[in-house]
């Protein structure tokens, strides 16, 4: 049986495409951990900052957040774009990398906090793959 050069070319392109997809695919789940959480409150609004580590082999996305003690609160993901704070739909946390939520950059905004809020609260981070990750943080006024 004689194979045409065109057929062999298509076969090789298919094999190379398959190998490139396999090589680029994630090789494991994300492994999320949180350090140094902090929340600054002014009036009934707050901003939460922390460092999110992904030591796993798969990427993840922070999709949203809620507050355990105050489920009615509006908790949003924000970033600074062209010098202005903007609501964003998610934050990517690539495999083996760190996402820093900090003043003047990406952060969480909480709206409608009680005026007498003190002590600590639990912010629940909702990740696409990891699921819910509770983070206890102190409140600084």
Protein backbone atom coordinates (compact mmCIF):
# COMPACT_ATOMS: atom_id res chain seq x y z
CA UNK A 1 0.00 0.00 0.00
CA UNK A 2 1.40 3.35 -1.02
CA UNK A 3 0.57 6.43 1.09
CA UNK A 4 0.52 9.78 -0.60
CA UNK A 5 2.74 12.58 0.68
CA UNK A 6 -0.38 14.64 1.46
CA UNK A 7 -1.86 11.90 3.63
CA UNK A 8 1.41 11.46 5.51
CA UNK A 9 1.57 15.25 6.03
CA UNK A 10 -1.95 15.34 7.49
CA UNK A 11 -1.10 12.40 9.74
CA UNK A 12 2.05 14.12 11.04
CA UNK A 13 0.20 17.40 11.65
CA UNK A 14 -2.45 15.49 13.61
CA UNK A 15 0.13 13.69 15.74
CA UNK A 16 2.05 16.92 16.45
CA UNK A 17 -1.19 18.69 17.41
CA UNK A 18 -2.09 15.86 19.78
CA UNK A 19 1.33 15.98 21.45
CA UNK A 20 1.19 19.77 21.84
CA UNK A 21 -2.24 19.55 23.50
CA UNK A 22 -0.99 16.86 25.87
CA UNK A 23 2.16 18.86 26.69
CA UNK A 24 0.18 22.03 27.45
CA UNK A 25 -2.49 20.37 29.56
CA UNK A 26 -2.49 20.72 33.32
CA UNK A 27 -0.85 17.87 35.14
CA UNK A 28 -2.69 18.02 38.43
CA UNK A 29 -5.06 19.94 40.63
CA UNK A 30 -4.47 23.41 42.05
CA UNK A 31 -3.21 23.58 45.65
CA UNK A 32 -4.43 26.85 47.18
CA UNK A 33 -3.21 28.33 50.47
CA UNK A 34 -3.64 31.81 51.97
CA UNK A 35 -1.25 33.92 54.06
CA UNK A 36 -1.29 37.32 55.72
CA UNK A 37 -5.00 38.22 55.44
CA UNK A 38 -5.94 41.72 56.53
CA UNK A 39 -9.09 43.82 56.26
CA UNK A 40 -9.21 47.60 56.47
CA UNK A 41 -12.62 49.14 57.26
CA UNK A 42 -13.81 52.70 56.84
CA UNK A 43 -17.46 53.37 57.60
CA UNK A 44 -19.53 50.51 56.22
CA UNK A 45 -17.03 49.54 53.49
CA UNK A 46 -13.95 47.38 53.75
CA UNK A 47 -11.07 46.19 51.61
CA UNK A 48 -9.46 42.79 52.14
CA UNK A 49 -5.88 41.95 51.22
CA UNK A 50 -3.93 38.68 51.33
CA UNK A 51 -1.48 36.52 49.42
CA UNK A 52 -2.90 33.48 47.63
CA UNK A 53 -0.43 30.70 46.82
CA UNK A 54 -1.06 27.96 44.26
CA UNK A 55 1.55 25.27 44.84
CA UNK A 56 -0.32 22.80 42.65
CA UNK A 57 0.18 21.79 39.04
CA UNK A 58 -3.16 23.14 37.84
CA UNK A 59 -4.41 26.72 37.59
CA UNK A 60 -7.51 28.02 39.37
CA UNK A 61 -9.71 31.12 39.37
CA UNK A 62 -11.05 33.10 42.31
CA UNK A 63 -14.65 33.67 41.19
CA UNK A 64 -16.27 35.41 44.17
CA UNK A 65 -16.32 35.83 47.94
CA UNK A 66 -18.80 35.95 50.80
CA UNK A 67 -18.58 36.68 54.52
CA UNK A 68 -19.61 33.82 56.81
CA UNK A 69 -20.90 36.04 59.62
CA UNK A 70 -22.74 38.43 57.27
CA UNK A 71 -23.99 36.50 54.21
CA UNK A 72 -26.06 39.50 53.07
CA UNK A 73 -22.94 41.62 52.47
CA UNK A 74 -21.85 42.50 48.97
CA UNK A 75 -18.32 41.12 48.49
CA UNK A 76 -16.67 41.93 45.14
CA UNK A 77 -13.38 41.39 43.31
CA UNK A 78 -11.72 44.66 42.28
CA UNK A 79 -8.62 45.70 40.36
CA UNK A 80 -7.04 49.02 39.47
CA UNK A 81 -7.32 49.59 35.70
CA UNK A 82 -5.93 52.82 34.19
CA UNK A 83 -5.72 54.32 37.67
CA UNK A 84 -9.34 53.56 38.59
CA UNK A 85 -10.87 50.85 40.74
CA UNK A 86 -13.03 48.45 38.70
CA UNK A 87 -15.16 45.41 39.43
CA UNK A 88 -13.76 42.28 37.75
CA UNK A 89 -15.32 38.85 37.22
CA UNK A 90 -12.41 36.73 38.52
CA UNK A 91 -8.72 36.53 39.37
CA UNK A 92 -6.57 33.83 37.78
CA UNK A 93 -4.17 31.94 40.05
CA UNK A 94 -1.78 30.10 37.69
CA UNK A 95 -0.15 26.82 38.69
CA UNK A 96 2.95 27.35 40.80
CA UNK A 97 2.35 31.09 41.15
CA UNK A 98 1.16 33.65 43.69
CA UNK A 99 -1.70 36.15 43.53
CA UNK A 100 -1.19 39.17 45.76
CA UNK A 101 -4.27 41.13 46.83
CA UNK A 102 -2.90 44.49 47.99
CA UNK A 103 -3.73 48.19 48.31
CA UNK A 104 -3.48 49.93 44.96
CA UNK A 105 -3.96 46.67 43.06
CA UNK A 106 -6.19 43.63 43.08
CA UNK A 107 -8.25 43.34 46.26
CA UNK A 108 -11.63 42.34 47.70
CA UNK A 109 -14.23 45.03 48.46
CA UNK A 110 -16.94 44.49 51.07
CA UNK A 111 -19.96 46.78 51.15
CA UNK A 112 -22.57 47.16 53.89
CA UNK A 113 -20.46 46.22 56.92
CA UNK A 114 -21.93 46.86 60.37
CA UNK A 115 -20.67 50.12 61.94
CA UNK A 116 -19.60 48.30 65.12
CA UNK A 117 -17.62 45.55 63.35
CA UNK A 118 -14.53 44.59 65.38
CA UNK A 119 -12.36 41.58 66.00
CA UNK A 120 -12.28 39.14 63.12
CA UNK A 121 -14.48 37.77 60.37
CA UNK A 122 -14.30 34.81 57.99
CA UNK A 123 -14.18 35.62 54.30
CA UNK A 124 -15.03 32.61 52.16
CA UNK A 125 -13.18 32.61 48.84
CA UNK A 126 -15.00 30.72 46.08
CA UNK A 127 -12.56 29.14 43.62
CA UNK A 128 -13.55 27.52 40.34
CA UNK A 129 -11.71 24.22 40.98
CA UNK A 130 -10.65 24.24 44.64
CA UNK A 131 -14.11 25.24 45.86
CA UNK A 132 -14.63 27.24 49.05
CA UNK A 133 -11.64 28.34 51.12
CA UNK A 134 -12.42 30.09 54.45
CA UNK A 135 -10.00 32.83 55.51
CA UNK A 136 -10.12 34.35 59.01
CA UNK A 137 -8.98 37.94 59.07
CA UNK A 138 -8.70 40.66 61.66
CA UNK A 139 -10.59 43.93 61.19
CA UNK A 140 -8.60 47.18 61.30
CA UNK A 141 -10.49 50.50 61.53
